[in-house]
Each structure stands twice: as C-alpha cells, then as structure tokens.
Amino acid sequence: MSNTAADPTKTNAEIAKLQAETAEIMARLRREDEKARAEVAKLEAEREAEELRVRQSRILTERDEREEGEALAANKYHHVYYFTRKVDEASVSSCMDALTTWHRTSPGCEITIIFLSPGGSVIDGLALYDFIQDLRRSGHRITTGTQGYAASMAGVLLQAGDVRFMARNASILIHEISSLAWGKAGDIEDELEFIHKLQDRILGIFADRSGGKASVDFLRDKWKRKDWWLMSEEALELGLVDEIR
C-alpha cells in the first residue's frame, strides 16, 4: 500500500471540473426544459386557437343555416302574398310584380293570395282580377283567402281564386260602387252609366262564383243603398267562399 498523500491541488481541480460539468449539464437541462415548456405552450396555444376557430366556424355555420332557414320560410319562397293595403295602382302593381316573378321562376306553381284590405279602386282591382285569371289559365292553381276582412273591391278579388277561403272570424263587405261624379249633367250621366256597367260586371262575378246559390238580382237587392257584411258562415252558405279555415 502506498503511503503517498493525494495532491490537494490536483484534487481541487478535479472537483472544480466536476462542478463545472455538473453546472453545464444542469444549465443544458434547464434550457431543454424551458424549450420543452415553450414547445408545449406553443402547441397548447395552437390547440386553443384551432378550437376557437372551429367554434367560430360552427357559430357562423349555424347562423348561416338559421338565416337561410328563416329566408326560405319567408312567404315569397312559398308563393304566399299578403295583400294588406288599399286596392290602388301602387298596391296592384306591387302584387302583379310578385306574381309575375313567381310565374317566371316557378312556372305552374301554386300561389296563395290573402286579403286583409279595405278595398279601393274598381278599375285597378279588376285589372288584378283579370291578371289572376291569366295565371290560372297558364297553369297556376290560385288560392285566395281573407283574414280579418276583405271589403268592397277586396271582396271581389277574393273571388278570383280556384279555391277561396275565409278565416273563421273574417268578414266580407259587399256594396254598390261609390262615385265622386261632378261637373256638367251630361258628364255625370256618362259616369253613372259607366258605374252601372261596372256594377253589373261585379255582380256577375259574384253570381258566377256562387255556383248558382246567389243570383244577380238577389245580390243587387242585398247591396242596394247599404253596406252588406257577411261573416264566414254566411259567405260559405252563399257559395262566395269554398272553405272556412
């Protein structure tokens, strides 16, 4: 056995070297750990961003589907027109525009026109009546109905459909044509003659659509010099509607 003592200088150097190596290893491990943590954090952030994107995409898709569903549920996509204004040039033109669009984009489609109207112009109303007859002849099945009331000219337009219906609590107003004739006696007489012709035409429409249940003479007697209101049951009995809904 050697009795030579260890060189303290050499021993200290070796210890220092080991400590340095240990420190370097620890530093490298910390760097690698920090890098790994950074990679994990990056991946986590990317995962959260992707989940957010997916959620946003799902929300947008659901919104688009909801809006599309609501749009497709709109009356125009089901060829239902609500006529809720006074019968005049503007309202008749608007209705004709919508019906023409459906006629051209969906030839032969079923069309429903629902009246909630106080009536108005006989001339404009008869133009729409004839327009609806043209659509029927071109292959469209037209359903006309009323909710609330179809007064005066609107009651005539109610007669235009293949099928006519009234809501149970709806009503129809039938009366003579109103006139604001003024001027020379001859002018007034000419206008009154024209009004009588229009009245005969309207009475003929009601009588024809009644299927023989209400004659022209009966109708003329009922509306003469008064407002004649009919509830749904009365209108059905007289053949002026086909259904009560």
Protein backbone atom coordinates (compact mmCIF):
# COMPACT_ATOMS: atom_id res chain seq x y z
CA MET A 1 0.00 0.00 0.00
CA SER A 2 1.26 3.42 -0.98
CA ASN A 3 1.54 5.99 1.78
CA THR A 4 1.78 8.84 -0.73
CA ALA A 5 -0.79 11.54 0.15
CA ALA A 6 -3.17 12.89 -2.58
CA ASP A 7 -2.16 16.14 -4.21
CA PRO A 8 -4.64 18.68 -2.88
CA THR A 9 -4.14 20.95 -5.91
CA LYS A 10 -4.99 18.17 -8.31
CA THR A 11 -7.97 17.13 -6.23
CA ASN A 12 -9.37 20.65 -6.12
CA ALA A 13 -9.00 20.97 -9.89
CA GLU A 14 -10.87 17.74 -10.45
CA ILE A 15 -13.62 18.85 -8.09
CA ALA A 16 -13.87 22.19 -9.86
CA LYS A 17 -14.01 20.41 -13.21
CA LEU A 18 -16.78 18.12 -12.00
CA GLN A 19 -18.69 21.07 -10.59
CA ALA A 20 -18.35 22.91 -13.89
CA GLU A 21 -19.52 19.89 -15.83
CA THR A 22 -22.41 19.44 -13.44
CA ALA A 23 -23.35 23.10 -13.78
CA GLU A 24 -23.19 22.86 -17.56
CA ILE A 25 -25.36 19.76 -17.55
CA MET A 26 -27.86 21.44 -15.23
CA ALA A 27 -27.88 24.56 -17.42
CA ARG A 28 -28.41 22.43 -20.51
CA LEU A 29 -31.23 20.55 -18.81
CA ARG A 30 -32.84 23.86 -17.79
CA ARG A 31 -32.53 25.14 -21.35
CA GLU A 32 -34.01 21.94 -22.71
CA ASP A 33 -36.77 22.09 -20.10
CA GLU A 34 -37.55 25.70 -20.96
CA LYS A 35 -37.53 24.82 -24.65
CA ALA A 36 -39.82 21.87 -24.00
CA ARG A 37 -42.12 24.09 -21.94
CA ALA A 38 -42.11 26.66 -24.71
CA GLU A 39 -42.96 23.96 -27.26
CA VAL A 40 -45.76 22.69 -25.03
CA ALA A 41 -47.06 26.24 -24.54
CA LYS A 42 -46.91 26.82 -28.30
CA LEU A 43 -48.78 23.60 -29.01
CA GLU A 44 -51.35 24.47 -26.34
CA ALA A 45 -51.84 27.93 -27.83
CA GLU A 46 -52.21 26.42 -31.31
CA ARG A 47 -54.72 23.90 -29.97
CA GLU A 48 -56.76 26.64 -28.27
CA ALA A 49 -56.61 28.79 -31.41
CA GLU A 50 -57.82 25.85 -33.52
CA GLU A 51 -60.63 25.10 -31.06
CA LEU A 52 -61.62 28.78 -31.17
CA ARG A 53 -61.57 28.73 -34.97
CA VAL A 54 -63.72 25.60 -35.01
CA ARG A 55 -66.20 27.14 -32.55
CA GLN A 56 -66.37 30.35 -34.55
CA SER A 57 -66.81 28.39 -37.76
CA ARG A 58 -69.59 26.35 -36.15
CA ILE A 59 -71.30 29.51 -34.89
CA LEU A 60 -71.09 31.13 -38.32
CA THR A 61 -72.36 27.97 -40.00
CA GLU A 62 -75.27 27.70 -37.58
CA ARG A 63 -76.04 31.38 -38.09
CA ASP A 64 -75.94 30.99 -41.87
CA GLU A 65 -78.14 27.90 -41.70
CA ARG A 66 -80.57 29.71 -39.39
CA GLU A 67 -80.70 32.76 -41.64
CA GLU A 68 -81.11 30.59 -44.71
CA GLY A 69 -83.86 28.63 -42.99
CA GLU A 70 -85.62 31.84 -42.00
CA ALA A 71 -85.25 33.20 -45.51
CA LEU A 72 -86.59 30.02 -47.08
CA ALA A 73 -89.51 30.12 -44.65
CA ALA A 74 -90.49 33.58 -45.88
CA ASN A 75 -93.79 33.89 -47.73
CA LYS A 76 -92.14 34.69 -51.06
CA TYR A 77 -90.39 31.31 -51.10
CA HIS A 78 -93.73 29.60 -50.55
CA HIS A 79 -95.54 31.80 -53.08
CA VAL A 80 -97.81 33.38 -50.47
CA TYR A 81 -98.73 37.03 -51.00
CA TYR A 82 -100.40 39.09 -48.25
CA PHE A 83 -102.41 41.92 -49.78
CA THR A 84 -102.78 44.23 -46.78
CA ARG A 85 -103.18 47.62 -48.43
CA LYS A 86 -105.88 49.64 -50.11
CA VAL A 87 -106.60 48.50 -53.66
CA ASP A 88 -104.99 51.10 -55.88
CA GLU A 89 -102.49 51.38 -58.70
CA ALA A 90 -99.45 51.01 -56.42
CA SER A 91 -100.68 48.02 -54.41
CA VAL A 92 -101.97 46.23 -57.51
CA SER A 93 -98.68 46.86 -59.35
CA SER A 94 -96.70 45.51 -56.39
CA CYS A 95 -98.84 42.37 -56.27
CA MET A 96 -98.56 41.83 -60.02
CA ASP A 97 -94.77 42.20 -59.85
CA ALA A 98 -94.52 39.48 -57.21
CA LEU A 99 -96.89 37.15 -59.04
CA THR A 100 -95.05 37.70 -62.32
CA THR A 101 -91.73 36.81 -60.67
CA TRP A 102 -93.19 33.54 -59.33
CA HIS A 103 -94.79 32.80 -62.70
CA ARG A 104 -91.44 33.18 -64.48
CA THR A 105 -89.22 31.47 -61.91
CA SER A 106 -91.64 28.69 -60.94
CA PRO A 107 -93.99 28.05 -63.87
CA GLY A 108 -97.19 26.33 -62.78
CA CYS A 109 -96.50 26.74 -59.05
CA GLU A 110 -99.35 27.02 -56.56
CA ILE A 111 -99.93 30.60 -55.41
CA THR A 112 -101.85 31.90 -52.40
CA ILE A 113 -103.10 35.48 -52.09
CA ILE A 114 -104.52 36.53 -48.73
CA PHE A 115 -106.50 39.76 -48.49
CA LEU A 116 -106.79 41.97 -45.47
CA SER A 117 -107.87 45.10 -47.26
CA PRO A 118 -110.50 47.87 -47.13
CA GLY A 119 -110.89 47.73 -50.90
CA GLY A 120 -110.46 50.69 -53.17
CA SER A 121 -110.27 51.29 -56.91
CA VAL A 122 -112.61 49.16 -59.01
CA ILE A 123 -110.58 49.67 -62.19
CA ASP A 124 -107.27 48.68 -60.58
CA GLY A 125 -108.96 45.80 -58.80
CA LEU A 126 -110.49 44.41 -61.98
CA ALA A 127 -107.08 44.63 -63.66
CA LEU A 128 -105.67 42.40 -60.90
CA TYR A 129 -108.68 40.09 -61.12
CA ASP A 130 -108.09 39.55 -64.84
CA PHE A 131 -104.35 39.13 -64.23
CA ILE A 132 -105.08 36.32 -61.76
CA GLN A 133 -107.36 34.65 -64.33
CA ASP A 134 -104.47 34.73 -66.81
CA LEU A 135 -102.27 32.98 -64.25
CA ARG A 136 -104.92 30.32 -63.73
CA ARG A 137 -105.17 29.73 -67.47
CA SER A 138 -101.38 29.43 -67.68
CA GLY A 139 -101.39 26.51 -65.24
CA HIS A 140 -101.14 28.06 -61.78
CA ARG A 141 -103.51 26.90 -59.09
CA ILE A 142 -104.51 30.06 -57.23
CA THR A 143 -105.87 30.06 -53.71
CA THR A 144 -107.41 33.32 -52.49
CA GLY A 145 -108.40 33.98 -48.91
CA THR A 146 -109.11 36.61 -46.33
CA GLN A 147 -108.07 37.11 -42.75
CA GLY A 148 -109.68 39.99 -40.91
CA TYR A 149 -111.78 41.34 -43.74
CA ALA A 150 -112.00 41.72 -47.48
CA ALA A 151 -114.07 44.81 -48.06
CA SER A 152 -115.52 46.21 -51.24
CA MET A 153 -113.11 45.53 -54.15
CA ALA A 154 -111.05 43.18 -51.97
CA GLY A 155 -114.18 41.03 -51.63
CA VAL A 156 -114.38 40.87 -55.42
CA LEU A 157 -110.71 39.89 -55.64
CA LEU A 158 -111.38 37.14 -53.14
CA GLN A 159 -113.50 35.53 -55.87
CA ALA A 160 -110.52 35.29 -58.25
CA GLY A 161 -109.01 32.04 -56.99
CA ASP A 162 -109.54 28.40 -57.88
CA VAL A 163 -110.11 27.88 -54.18
CA ARG A 164 -111.44 30.63 -51.91
CA PHE A 165 -111.28 30.55 -48.13
CA MET A 166 -112.11 32.74 -45.15
CA ALA A 167 -110.70 32.66 -41.67
CA ARG A 168 -113.48 31.74 -39.27
CA ASN A 169 -113.78 35.24 -37.84
CA ALA A 170 -113.18 37.12 -41.09
CA SER A 171 -115.85 39.10 -42.94
CA ILE A 172 -116.67 40.33 -46.43
CA LEU A 173 -118.19 43.70 -47.24
CA ILE A 174 -120.26 43.94 -50.42
CA HIS A 175 -121.76 47.27 -51.53
CA GLU A 176 -122.51 49.42 -54.52
CA ILE A 177 -119.72 51.28 -56.26
CA SER A 178 -119.01 54.71 -54.85
CA SER A 179 -118.77 57.70 -57.16
CA LEU A 180 -117.47 61.23 -56.83
CA ALA A 181 -119.06 62.35 -60.08
CA TRP A 182 -119.30 66.07 -60.59
CA GLY A 183 -119.41 68.52 -63.45
CA LYS A 184 -121.94 69.01 -66.20
CA ALA A 185 -125.11 66.94 -66.12
CA GLY A 186 -124.05 65.07 -69.25
CA ASP A 187 -120.68 64.17 -67.72
CA ILE A 188 -122.37 62.90 -64.58
CA GLU A 189 -124.83 60.85 -66.62
CA ASP A 190 -121.97 59.32 -68.63
CA GLU A 191 -120.09 58.37 -65.47
CA LEU A 192 -123.20 56.92 -63.86
CA GLU A 193 -123.77 54.82 -66.97
CA PHE A 194 -120.20 53.53 -66.71
CA ILE A 195 -120.64 52.82 -62.99
CA HIS A 196 -123.77 50.80 -63.69
CA LYS A 197 -121.80 48.75 -66.22
CA LEU A 198 -119.08 48.13 -63.65
CA GLN A 199 -121.67 47.17 -61.06
CA ASP A 200 -123.25 44.69 -63.46
CA ARG A 201 -119.80 43.21 -64.11
CA ILE A 202 -119.07 42.86 -60.38
CA LEU A 203 -122.49 41.38 -59.64
CA GLY A 204 -121.85 38.92 -62.47
CA ILE A 205 -118.56 37.88 -60.88
CA PHE A 206 -120.19 37.24 -57.50
CA ALA A 207 -123.15 35.40 -59.06
CA ASP A 208 -120.92 33.25 -61.28
CA ARG A 209 -118.58 32.28 -58.44
CA SER A 210 -121.52 31.46 -56.15
CA GLY A 211 -122.29 28.43 -58.29
CA GLY A 212 -125.92 29.42 -58.63
CA LYS A 213 -126.52 29.99 -54.92
CA ALA A 214 -126.76 33.79 -55.31
CA SER A 215 -128.32 35.34 -58.40
CA VAL A 216 -127.53 38.79 -59.76
CA ASP A 217 -130.98 40.04 -58.74
CA PHE A 218 -130.57 38.65 -55.21
CA LEU A 219 -127.17 40.27 -54.84
CA ARG A 220 -128.35 43.59 -56.27
CA ASP A 221 -131.22 43.67 -53.80
CA LYS A 222 -128.93 42.84 -50.84
CA TRP A 223 -126.33 45.53 -51.52
CA LYS A 224 -128.62 48.34 -52.72
CA ARG A 225 -128.03 51.53 -50.72
CA LYS A 226 -126.32 49.78 -47.81
CA ASP A 227 -123.19 48.01 -46.66
CA TRP A 228 -123.78 44.27 -46.67
CA TRP A 229 -121.45 42.46 -44.26
CA LEU A 230 -121.10 38.71 -44.47
CA MET A 231 -119.41 36.54 -41.86
CA SER A 232 -117.63 33.40 -42.95
CA GLU A 233 -120.59 31.05 -42.41
CA GLU A 234 -122.89 33.30 -44.46
CA ALA A 235 -120.36 33.61 -47.27
CA LEU A 236 -119.92 29.84 -47.36
CA GLU A 237 -123.68 29.30 -47.46
CA LEU A 238 -123.99 31.68 -50.43
CA GLY A 239 -121.11 29.99 -52.26
CA LEU A 240 -118.87 33.08 -52.09
CA VAL A 241 -116.11 31.01 -50.46
CA ASP A 242 -115.27 27.33 -50.61
CA GLU A 243 -113.73 26.79 -47.18
CA ILE A 244 -113.60 28.19 -43.66
CA ARG A 245 -110.20 27.80 -42.05
